[in-house]
Amino acid sequence: MKELLTRNECTAMRGIAILAIVLHNYCHFISKIVQENEYQFFVSHNEQLWQVISHPDELLPIHLFSFFGHYGVPVFLFLSGYGLVRKYETSDDSCPPVRFVRYNYLKLLRMLIVGFSLFICVDMVTPGRFQFHWDNVIAQLLMYINVLPEPEKTIWPGIYWFFGLMMEFYIVYRLLLYRRSSWIAVALIVVCWLLQAFCDPEGETLNRLRYNCIGGLLPFGLGIIAARVRTLRTGSTTPTDSAYAPYGPILWLLVFILSVALVFAMSFNFYTWLLWIPVFIILGTIALVKAMPKWMLSIVTWFGNISAAMFVAHPIARKLFITVAWKQDIYDGLMLYIIAVIAISWAVKQLIDRIPQPKL
C-alpha cells in the first residue's frame, strides 16, 4: 500500500500554492495588467488574456501571475480537506463539535492576529490608508466577515477572506462530513456547483457565493474524498519496486503539462471554469511535486513550511512596495517585494510560534 500524498509532498504543494498567491496578489494590483476571474467570470478578462498571449511582451509573466495565481487557493482547500481526514478520521478518538470549532478558530486566530496587527500599523503610516470600521474589524477577527454584503469592499487586506472561509469549512466538515459517507461530500459538491451554475457569471450573487464555502466546496470535498481513498495498490511496499517506477517522473510531467493546457483552454468557458479548472489545478500541482527533482522539491518544501506566515505577511510587503510598480519599475518592485515577503514572513513566523498553541 502506498500513500497518495506523503507529508513532504503536501508541504511542497503548500509551497507552490503560497508562491502563486503571493505573486498574484502583487501583480494584479498593477494597472493595465490582465485581471483574474476569481469570484466572477468576465468575458472581457478572457479577451485581454488572449490579447497579451497572442501579442506577448516583457510583461507576459506578470499577466499570467495576475490571471492564474489565485488558483493557489483551491490547492490550499484541497490540502485542508485532505489534512482534516488524516488528522481526525484515522483514530478512534472523537471530538465534540464545539470543542472542534473552538480549537480550529484559535489556531487560525494565532496567525490572523499577528498579521492583521502588523498590517494595520503599516497601513496607517503609508499612502492609501484604508477606512476601517469597528464592526468590520470585529467581523474579521471573529471570522464571519465573508457573509456580510460587498465582501470585496469590507475585507482588508483582501486575502484575509480566507480565514472566514476556513471557519465555514470547519463547521461544515464537523457537522456534515466528519466520519460520514463520502457520497455526502459528492452530493454537497453537486449542489454547490448547481447553485453557482445558475447565477449570472458577472453578477453579485455569484460573487457572494464564491466568497463563502459554496464557492470552494469542490476542492475541499475532493481533498476529503482523496484522503479516504488515499492508498494505491502497487504490489510492493516500496514504490521503487514498481515496474513503472523508472517512468514515474516522466508520466507525472506529462500529466502536469496536460493539466496546464486544459486549465488554459477551460478558462474561456463559464461552466468549465466553474467545475473543472479546480480539479485540474489540483491534479497539476500533485503531478508537479511528484515530477520535481529533489533539489527543487526541497526549495518549494521550505516555502511550504513557512506558508502560513507568508500568507498573513505578504500584504504588508505589498503595501510597502506596490508603489514601485505603480511608477512602472515593475520587475524592480517585484524583486524587492519577494525579498521583503521572505524576510517579513520569517519574522512573523517567530511571533506566531511564541503564541501558545490551542489545545483540542
Protein backbone atom coordinates (compact mmCIF):
# COMPACT_ATOMS: atom_id res chain seq x y z
CA MET A 1 0.00 0.00 0.00
CA LYS A 2 1.36 3.43 -0.95
CA GLU A 3 0.22 6.86 0.21
CA LEU A 4 -1.32 9.04 -2.47
CA LEU A 5 0.45 12.07 -0.97
CA THR A 6 3.26 12.00 1.55
CA ARG A 7 3.60 14.66 4.24
CA ASN A 8 6.57 16.13 2.36
CA GLU A 9 4.57 16.31 -0.89
CA CYS A 10 1.68 18.05 0.88
CA THR A 11 4.14 20.62 2.26
CA ALA A 12 5.58 21.12 -1.23
CA MET A 13 2.07 21.67 -2.62
CA ARG A 14 1.53 24.34 0.03
CA GLY A 15 4.79 25.95 -1.07
CA ILE A 16 3.69 26.09 -4.71
CA ALA A 17 0.26 27.41 -3.71
CA ILE A 18 1.62 30.20 -1.50
CA LEU A 19 4.13 31.30 -4.13
CA ALA A 20 1.32 31.54 -6.70
CA ILE A 21 -0.86 33.56 -4.30
CA VAL A 22 1.97 35.88 -3.25
CA LEU A 23 2.85 36.67 -6.87
CA HIS A 24 -0.79 37.04 -7.88
CA ASN A 25 -1.63 39.47 -5.09
CA TYR A 26 1.17 41.77 -6.20
CA CYS A 27 0.76 41.53 -9.97
CA HIS A 28 -2.99 42.09 -10.15
CA PHE A 29 -2.62 45.40 -8.30
CA ILE A 30 -0.63 46.85 -11.21
CA SER A 31 -2.55 49.00 -13.68
CA LYS A 32 -3.08 47.74 -17.24
CA ILE A 33 -2.34 44.16 -16.17
CA VAL A 34 -4.90 41.47 -17.06
CA GLN A 35 -7.29 40.84 -14.17
CA GLU A 36 -8.33 37.38 -12.97
CA ASN A 37 -11.67 35.58 -12.98
CA GLU A 38 -11.76 34.50 -9.34
CA TYR A 39 -15.18 35.34 -7.88
CA GLN A 40 -16.94 36.22 -11.14
CA PHE A 41 -16.47 35.28 -14.77
CA PHE A 42 -15.80 38.25 -17.07
CA VAL A 43 -15.51 37.59 -20.80
CA SER A 44 -13.56 40.85 -21.13
CA HIS A 45 -10.82 39.45 -18.87
CA ASN A 46 -10.51 36.40 -21.12
CA GLU A 47 -10.28 38.63 -24.18
CA GLN A 48 -7.49 40.61 -22.52
CA LEU A 49 -5.67 37.37 -21.65
CA TRP A 50 -5.85 36.18 -25.25
CA GLN A 51 -4.62 39.56 -26.46
CA VAL A 52 -1.47 39.51 -24.30
CA ILE A 53 -0.73 35.87 -25.17
CA SER A 54 -1.15 36.41 -28.91
CA HIS A 55 0.98 39.59 -28.72
CA PRO A 56 3.45 38.83 -25.93
CA ASP A 57 5.84 41.40 -24.48
CA GLU A 58 8.17 41.58 -21.49
CA LEU A 59 5.20 41.80 -19.09
CA LEU A 60 3.70 38.44 -20.11
CA PRO A 61 4.79 36.68 -16.86
CA ILE A 62 3.13 39.46 -14.86
CA HIS A 63 -0.11 38.99 -16.80
CA LEU A 64 -0.02 35.22 -16.22
CA PHE A 65 0.65 35.55 -12.48
CA SER A 66 -2.19 38.04 -12.23
CA PHE A 67 -4.68 35.88 -14.11
CA PHE A 68 -3.79 32.41 -12.82
CA GLY A 69 -2.03 32.93 -9.48
CA HIS A 70 -5.20 32.91 -7.39
CA TYR A 71 -5.58 29.19 -8.16
CA GLY A 72 -3.29 28.56 -5.23
CA VAL A 73 -6.45 28.90 -3.11
CA PRO A 74 -8.13 25.66 -4.32
CA VAL A 75 -4.85 23.83 -3.66
CA PHE A 76 -4.96 25.04 -0.04
CA LEU A 77 -8.62 24.00 0.22
CA PHE A 78 -7.83 20.54 -1.15
CA LEU A 79 -4.99 20.12 1.35
CA SER A 80 -7.24 21.33 4.17
CA GLY A 81 -9.85 18.68 3.43
CA TYR A 82 -7.14 16.06 2.99
CA GLY A 83 -5.50 17.01 6.28
CA LEU A 84 -8.73 17.02 8.29
CA VAL A 85 -9.49 13.45 7.30
CA ARG A 86 -5.95 12.30 8.03
CA LYS A 87 -5.97 14.01 11.43
CA TYR A 88 -9.46 13.30 12.73
CA GLU A 89 -10.64 10.14 10.98
CA THR A 90 -7.66 7.83 11.41
CA SER A 91 -8.03 7.37 15.18
CA ASP A 92 -10.76 6.15 17.49
CA ASP A 93 -10.90 9.44 19.38
CA SER A 94 -13.87 11.72 18.79
CA CYS A 95 -14.07 15.48 19.16
CA PRO A 96 -17.31 17.28 20.14
CA PRO A 97 -18.34 19.94 17.57
CA VAL A 98 -18.00 22.94 19.91
CA ARG A 99 -14.52 21.92 21.02
CA PHE A 100 -13.53 21.19 17.43
CA VAL A 101 -14.66 24.61 16.16
CA ARG A 102 -13.09 26.42 19.13
CA TYR A 103 -9.74 24.70 18.61
CA ASN A 104 -9.60 25.48 14.90
CA TYR A 105 -10.75 29.08 15.41
CA LEU A 106 -7.96 29.70 17.90
CA LYS A 107 -5.48 28.02 15.56
CA LEU A 108 -6.42 30.46 12.79
CA LEU A 109 -6.54 33.41 15.19
CA ARG A 110 -2.87 32.86 16.12
CA MET A 111 -1.95 33.65 12.51
CA LEU A 112 -4.57 36.32 11.85
CA ILE A 113 -3.93 38.46 14.92
CA VAL A 114 -0.21 38.76 14.22
CA GLY A 115 -0.54 39.52 10.52
CA PHE A 116 -3.54 41.82 10.89
CA SER A 117 -1.94 43.84 13.72
CA LEU A 118 1.26 44.40 11.77
CA PHE A 119 -0.67 45.23 8.60
CA ILE A 120 -2.87 47.91 10.15
CA CYS A 121 0.22 49.56 11.64
CA VAL A 122 1.84 49.71 8.19
CA ASP A 123 -1.44 50.73 6.58
CA MET A 124 -1.86 53.70 8.94
CA VAL A 125 1.53 55.22 8.05
CA THR A 126 1.58 54.62 4.28
CA PRO A 127 -0.36 56.35 1.48
CA GLY A 128 -3.79 54.97 0.60
CA ARG A 129 -4.90 54.28 4.17
CA PHE A 130 -8.00 52.10 4.38
CA GLN A 131 -11.04 53.36 6.29
CA PHE A 132 -11.58 50.62 8.87
CA HIS A 133 -14.93 50.40 10.67
CA TRP A 134 -15.15 48.87 14.11
CA ASP A 135 -17.90 46.41 13.19
CA ASN A 136 -15.94 45.11 10.21
CA VAL A 137 -12.83 44.72 12.34
CA ILE A 138 -14.79 42.62 14.83
CA ALA A 139 -16.29 40.62 11.96
CA GLN A 140 -12.79 40.00 10.63
CA LEU A 141 -11.43 38.85 13.99
CA LEU A 142 -14.46 36.62 14.61
CA MET A 143 -14.15 35.39 11.00
CA TYR A 144 -17.70 35.93 9.82
CA ILE A 145 -16.90 38.92 7.58
CA ASN A 146 -17.37 36.80 4.43
CA VAL A 147 -21.13 36.69 4.88
CA LEU A 148 -21.51 40.49 5.00
CA PRO A 149 -22.66 42.41 1.89
CA GLU A 150 -19.98 43.55 -0.58
CA PRO A 151 -17.15 41.49 0.96
CA GLU A 152 -14.61 42.87 -1.51
CA LYS A 153 -15.20 46.35 -0.03
CA THR A 154 -15.19 45.37 3.63
CA ILE A 155 -12.36 42.81 3.89
CA TRP A 156 -8.97 44.47 4.00
CA PRO A 157 -6.44 43.23 3.24
CA GLY A 158 -8.49 41.25 0.78
CA ILE A 159 -6.75 37.92 1.19
CA TYR A 160 -7.90 37.65 4.80
CA TRP A 161 -11.27 36.47 3.47
CA PHE A 162 -9.64 33.03 3.57
CA PHE A 163 -9.87 32.88 7.38
CA GLY A 164 -13.65 33.27 7.32
CA LEU A 165 -13.85 30.72 4.53
CA MET A 166 -11.88 28.17 6.54
CA MET A 167 -14.10 28.65 9.60
CA GLU A 168 -17.11 27.88 7.42
CA PHE A 169 -15.42 24.72 6.17
CA TYR A 170 -14.51 23.60 9.69
CA ILE A 171 -18.17 23.90 10.68
CA VAL A 172 -19.40 22.14 7.53
CA TYR A 173 -16.86 19.35 7.97
CA ARG A 174 -17.64 18.66 11.62
CA LEU A 175 -21.43 18.85 11.27
CA LEU A 176 -21.97 17.23 7.86
CA LEU A 177 -18.88 15.33 6.68
CA TYR A 178 -16.97 14.05 9.71
CA ARG A 179 -16.85 10.23 9.53
CA ARG A 180 -19.83 10.16 7.21
CA SER A 181 -20.14 8.66 3.75
CA SER A 182 -18.08 10.27 1.02
CA TRP A 183 -21.26 10.35 -1.05
CA ILE A 184 -22.43 13.19 1.18
CA ALA A 185 -19.37 15.16 0.08
CA VAL A 186 -20.18 14.33 -3.55
CA ALA A 187 -23.79 15.46 -3.08
CA LEU A 188 -22.69 18.75 -1.50
CA ILE A 189 -20.25 19.37 -4.36
CA VAL A 190 -23.03 18.86 -6.91
CA VAL A 191 -25.49 21.09 -5.03
CA CYS A 192 -22.94 23.88 -4.60
CA TRP A 193 -21.93 23.68 -8.25
CA LEU A 194 -25.57 23.92 -9.38
CA LEU A 195 -26.15 26.94 -7.15
CA GLN A 196 -23.32 28.71 -8.96
CA ALA A 197 -24.11 27.39 -12.44
CA PHE A 198 -27.49 29.13 -12.48
CA CYS A 199 -26.01 32.50 -11.48
CA ASP A 200 -25.18 35.39 -13.77
CA PRO A 201 -21.45 34.90 -14.49
CA GLU A 202 -20.80 38.59 -13.82
CA GLY A 203 -23.43 39.03 -11.11
CA GLU A 204 -23.21 39.86 -7.44
CA THR A 205 -24.89 36.61 -6.37
CA LEU A 206 -22.04 34.54 -7.79
CA ASN A 207 -19.58 36.93 -6.17
CA ARG A 208 -21.14 36.38 -2.73
CA LEU A 209 -21.30 32.60 -3.15
CA ARG A 210 -17.65 32.34 -4.15
CA TYR A 211 -16.53 34.40 -1.16
CA ASN A 212 -18.06 31.68 1.02
CA CYS A 213 -17.91 27.90 1.33
CA ILE A 214 -20.35 27.25 -1.54
CA GLY A 215 -17.74 28.53 -3.97
CA GLY A 216 -14.91 26.40 -2.57
CA LEU A 217 -16.61 23.15 -1.65
CA LEU A 218 -15.39 21.39 -4.80
CA PRO A 219 -11.64 21.43 -3.98
CA PHE A 220 -12.31 20.98 -0.25
CA GLY A 221 -14.58 17.99 -0.90
CA LEU A 222 -12.05 16.47 -3.30
CA GLY A 223 -9.46 16.61 -0.54
CA ILE A 224 -11.78 14.72 1.80
CA ILE A 225 -12.55 12.08 -0.83
CA ALA A 226 -8.89 11.71 -1.82
CA ALA A 227 -7.85 11.21 1.81
CA ARG A 228 -10.40 8.45 2.27
CA VAL A 229 -9.18 6.56 -0.80
CA ARG A 230 -5.58 7.61 -0.23
CA THR A 231 -3.87 4.29 -0.86
CA LEU A 232 -2.90 2.74 -4.16
CA ARG A 233 -2.03 -0.92 -4.65
CA THR A 234 1.45 -1.22 -6.11
CA GLY A 235 2.21 -4.89 -5.50
CA SER A 236 5.11 -3.85 -3.30
CA THR A 237 5.70 -2.00 -0.05
CA THR A 238 8.40 0.13 -1.68
CA PRO A 239 7.50 2.43 -4.58
CA THR A 240 10.83 1.83 -6.33
CA ASP A 241 9.95 -1.85 -6.78
CA SER A 242 7.12 -0.97 -9.15
CA ALA A 243 7.68 -1.85 -12.79
CA TYR A 244 6.58 1.69 -13.68
CA ALA A 245 8.83 3.46 -11.17
CA PRO A 246 11.58 4.44 -13.68
CA TYR A 247 8.96 6.23 -15.78
CA GLY A 248 7.12 7.81 -12.86
CA PRO A 249 8.55 11.36 -13.12
CA ILE A 250 8.06 11.43 -16.90
CA LEU A 251 4.45 10.31 -16.63
CA TRP A 252 3.76 12.87 -13.91
CA LEU A 253 5.40 15.57 -16.03
CA LEU A 254 3.07 14.68 -18.92
CA VAL A 255 0.10 14.89 -16.54
CA PHE A 256 1.28 18.32 -15.42
CA ILE A 257 1.65 19.59 -19.00
CA LEU A 258 -1.79 18.24 -19.93
CA SER A 259 -3.32 19.85 -16.84
CA VAL A 260 -1.79 23.23 -17.69
CA ALA A 261 -3.14 23.03 -21.24
CA LEU A 262 -6.63 22.10 -20.01
CA VAL A 263 -6.68 24.85 -17.40
CA PHE A 264 -5.84 27.40 -20.08
CA ALA A 265 -8.44 26.06 -22.54
CA MET A 266 -11.17 25.80 -19.89
CA SER A 267 -10.63 29.38 -18.76
CA PHE A 268 -12.68 30.61 -21.72
CA ASN A 269 -15.95 28.86 -20.82
CA PHE A 270 -18.05 29.65 -17.74
CA TYR A 271 -19.07 26.08 -16.92
CA THR A 272 -15.64 24.50 -17.37
CA TRP A 273 -14.15 27.39 -15.38
CA LEU A 274 -16.64 26.75 -12.61
CA LEU A 275 -16.30 22.98 -12.34
CA TRP A 276 -13.24 21.54 -13.99
CA ILE A 277 -10.45 24.08 -13.58
CA PRO A 278 -10.07 23.49 -9.80
CA VAL A 279 -9.85 19.73 -10.48
CA PHE A 280 -7.01 20.12 -12.97
CA ILE A 281 -5.27 22.77 -10.88
CA ILE A 282 -5.09 20.24 -8.03
CA LEU A 283 -4.11 17.36 -10.34
CA GLY A 284 -1.45 19.51 -12.00
CA THR A 285 0.02 20.55 -8.65
CA ILE A 286 0.16 16.94 -7.47
CA ALA A 287 1.83 15.95 -10.73
CA LEU A 288 4.32 18.80 -10.45
CA VAL A 289 5.55 17.86 -6.97
CA LYS A 290 5.85 14.21 -7.99
CA ALA A 291 7.82 15.12 -11.12
CA MET A 292 10.19 17.57 -9.41
CA PRO A 293 13.85 16.68 -8.85
CA LYS A 294 14.83 16.52 -5.19
CA TRP A 295 16.68 19.84 -5.15
CA MET A 296 13.67 21.71 -6.50
CA LEU A 297 11.30 19.83 -4.18
CA SER A 298 13.39 20.89 -1.19
CA ILE A 299 13.03 24.56 -2.19
CA VAL A 300 9.24 24.54 -2.52
CA THR A 301 9.01 22.43 0.65
CA TRP A 302 10.89 25.16 2.51
CA PHE A 303 8.33 27.70 1.33
CA GLY A 304 5.58 25.29 2.33
CA ASN A 305 6.93 25.19 5.88
CA ILE A 306 6.53 28.97 6.21
CA SER A 307 3.38 29.21 4.06
CA ALA A 308 1.12 30.25 6.97
CA ALA A 309 3.43 33.13 7.86
CA MET A 310 3.79 34.11 4.19
CA PHE A 311 0.02 34.16 3.81
CA VAL A 312 -0.53 36.71 6.59
CA ALA A 313 2.69 38.67 5.95
CA HIS A 314 2.72 39.29 2.21
CA PRO A 315 0.02 42.04 2.30
CA ILE A 316 2.42 44.04 4.50
CA ALA A 317 5.20 43.81 1.92
CA ARG A 318 2.77 44.56 -0.90
CA LYS A 319 1.58 47.76 0.77
CA LEU A 320 5.19 48.91 1.08
CA PHE A 321 6.45 48.03 -2.39
CA ILE A 322 3.46 48.23 -4.75
CA THR A 323 4.22 51.93 -5.29
CA VAL A 324 7.44 50.90 -7.03
CA ALA A 325 5.38 49.00 -9.63
CA TRP A 326 2.97 51.93 -9.93
CA LYS A 327 5.95 54.03 -11.03
CA GLN A 328 6.43 51.47 -13.85
CA ASP A 329 9.53 49.85 -12.32
CA ILE A 330 7.51 46.63 -12.30
CA TYR A 331 10.22 43.97 -12.10
CA ASP A 332 12.30 46.08 -9.70
CA GLY A 333 9.30 46.32 -7.40
CA LEU A 334 8.54 42.62 -7.77
CA MET A 335 12.10 41.63 -6.79
CA LEU A 336 12.06 43.90 -3.72
CA TYR A 337 8.61 42.62 -2.80
CA ILE A 338 9.69 38.96 -2.93
CA ILE A 339 12.75 39.64 -0.77
CA ALA A 340 10.65 41.57 1.75
CA VAL A 341 7.98 38.84 1.83
CA ILE A 342 10.54 36.19 2.73
CA ALA A 343 12.15 38.34 5.43
CA ILE A 344 8.87 39.54 6.97
CA SER A 345 7.45 36.01 6.84
CA TRP A 346 10.39 34.66 8.78
CA ALA A 347 9.89 37.36 11.45
CA VAL A 348 6.12 36.77 11.56
CA LYS A 349 6.70 33.04 12.00
CA GLN A 350 8.83 33.75 15.06
CA LEU A 351 5.99 35.81 16.55
CA ILE A 352 3.34 33.20 15.75
CA ASP A 353 5.46 30.44 17.26
CA ARG A 354 5.65 32.37 20.54
CA ILE A 355 1.87 32.32 20.92
CA PRO A 356 0.79 29.20 22.83
CA GLN A 357 -0.83 26.52 20.70
CA PRO A 358 -4.52 25.91 21.46
CA LYS A 359 -5.39 22.55 22.96
CA LEU A 360 -8.05 20.30 21.48
